[in-house]
Amino acid sequence: MKLNNQVAIVTGGALGIGGGVARKLAREGSKVLIVDIAEEEAKKNKETIEENGGIAEYLIGDVALESVAKEMVDLSVSLFGRLDIIVQNAY
C-alpha cells in the first residue's frame, strides 16, 4: 500500500471522479474523509470503502463555505490525528 497510514480529505467524494479517488486512496492505505453535499451517496461510498477493508468517514457540507472548510480539517485531525492529502474535487 503506497499511502499506508496517510490521511486524506476528498471534497466531492461521494460520486463520480471524487468517489473513485476516495476509493482508490483507501485501497492504497489512506484513511479518507469524504466531504460532499449528497448525504446518501457519501454514506454509501463510506460503506463501500469499509466493506473493502478501508477506513473512511463522511461530512456533509458545502466546501465553498469557510466554516465547512475549517470543519473538515478539524474533523480529519480529530478523527485520524492528522491531515496529509487534500483532493479538491468539489466545484
Protein backbone atom coordinates (compact mmCIF):
# COMPACT_ATOMS: atom_id res chain seq x y z
CA MET A 1 0.00 0.00 0.00
CA LYS A 2 1.66 3.16 -1.25
CA LEU A 3 -0.21 5.54 1.04
CA ASN A 4 -0.33 3.44 4.19
CA ASN A 5 -1.38 5.49 7.24
CA GLN A 6 -1.84 8.71 5.27
CA VAL A 7 -4.97 10.76 5.94
CA ALA A 8 -6.88 12.25 3.02
CA ILE A 9 -9.84 14.57 2.55
CA VAL A 10 -11.70 14.27 -0.75
CA THR A 11 -14.19 17.04 -1.45
CA GLY A 12 -16.96 16.00 -3.80
CA GLY A 13 -16.02 12.49 -2.69
CA ALA A 14 -19.43 10.85 -2.80
CA LEU A 15 -19.80 10.09 -6.52
CA GLY A 16 -18.06 10.23 -9.88
CA ILE A 17 -14.38 11.12 -10.06
CA GLY A 18 -14.26 12.17 -6.41
CA GLY A 19 -15.90 8.94 -5.31
CA GLY A 20 -13.41 6.95 -7.31
CA VAL A 21 -10.49 8.93 -5.91
CA ALA A 22 -11.73 8.32 -2.36
CA ARG A 23 -11.95 4.56 -3.00
CA LYS A 24 -8.51 4.48 -4.66
CA LEU A 25 -6.88 6.38 -1.78
CA ALA A 26 -8.46 3.92 0.67
CA ARG A 27 -7.25 0.92 -1.37
CA GLU A 28 -3.75 2.40 -1.20
CA GLY A 29 -3.94 2.58 2.60
CA SER A 30 -5.20 6.09 3.33
CA LYS A 31 -7.84 6.92 5.89
CA VAL A 32 -10.36 9.02 3.98
CA LEU A 33 -12.76 11.79 4.94
CA ILE A 34 -15.40 12.22 2.23
CA VAL A 35 -16.88 15.73 2.12
CA ASP A 36 -19.95 16.27 -0.03
CA ILE A 37 -23.43 17.79 -0.10
CA ALA A 38 -25.00 14.44 -1.13
CA GLU A 39 -25.54 12.64 2.19
CA GLU A 40 -26.88 9.29 0.98
CA GLU A 41 -24.19 8.94 -1.67
CA ALA A 42 -21.42 9.94 0.76
CA LYS A 43 -22.69 7.36 3.24
CA LYS A 44 -22.79 4.68 0.53
CA ASN A 45 -19.23 5.45 -0.59
CA LYS A 46 -18.04 5.29 3.03
CA GLU A 47 -19.71 1.90 3.41
CA THR A 48 -18.17 0.65 0.15
CA ILE A 49 -14.72 1.68 1.36
CA GLU A 50 -15.26 -0.05 4.70
CA GLU A 51 -16.63 -3.21 3.06
CA ASN A 52 -13.36 -3.42 1.15
CA GLY A 53 -11.24 -3.10 4.29
CA GLY A 54 -10.64 0.66 4.21
CA ILE A 55 -11.20 3.35 6.81
CA ALA A 56 -13.50 6.25 5.96
CA GLU A 57 -15.83 8.82 7.40
CA TYR A 58 -18.00 11.46 5.79
CA LEU A 59 -19.00 15.05 6.43
CA ILE A 60 -21.96 16.73 4.81
CA GLY A 61 -21.37 20.31 3.77
CA ASP A 62 -20.61 22.83 1.04
CA VAL A 63 -16.85 23.40 0.93
CA ALA A 64 -17.42 26.82 -0.63
CA LEU A 65 -18.27 27.91 2.90
CA GLU A 66 -15.29 28.80 5.07
CA SER A 67 -16.93 27.20 8.11
CA VAL A 68 -17.21 23.85 6.31
CA ALA A 69 -13.61 24.04 5.06
CA LYS A 70 -12.44 24.61 8.63
CA GLU A 71 -14.71 21.88 9.97
CA MET A 72 -13.40 19.28 7.52
CA VAL A 73 -9.79 19.93 8.52
CA ASP A 74 -10.66 19.95 12.22
CA LEU A 75 -12.66 16.71 11.84
CA SER A 76 -9.82 14.99 9.98
CA VAL A 77 -7.38 15.84 12.75
CA SER A 78 -9.89 14.88 15.45
CA LEU A 79 -10.74 11.51 13.88
CA PHE A 80 -7.41 10.48 12.42
CA GLY A 81 -4.84 12.63 14.23
CA ARG A 82 -3.54 14.47 11.17
CA LEU A 83 -4.06 15.51 7.56
CA ASP A 84 -1.67 14.62 4.72
CA ILE A 85 -3.65 14.91 1.47
CA ILE A 86 -6.47 17.14 0.24
CA VAL A 87 -8.15 16.40 -3.09
CA GLN A 88 -10.24 19.43 -4.04
CA ASN A 89 -12.73 17.82 -6.40
CA ALA A 90 -15.90 19.75 -5.49
CA TYR A 91 -16.82 22.66 -7.72
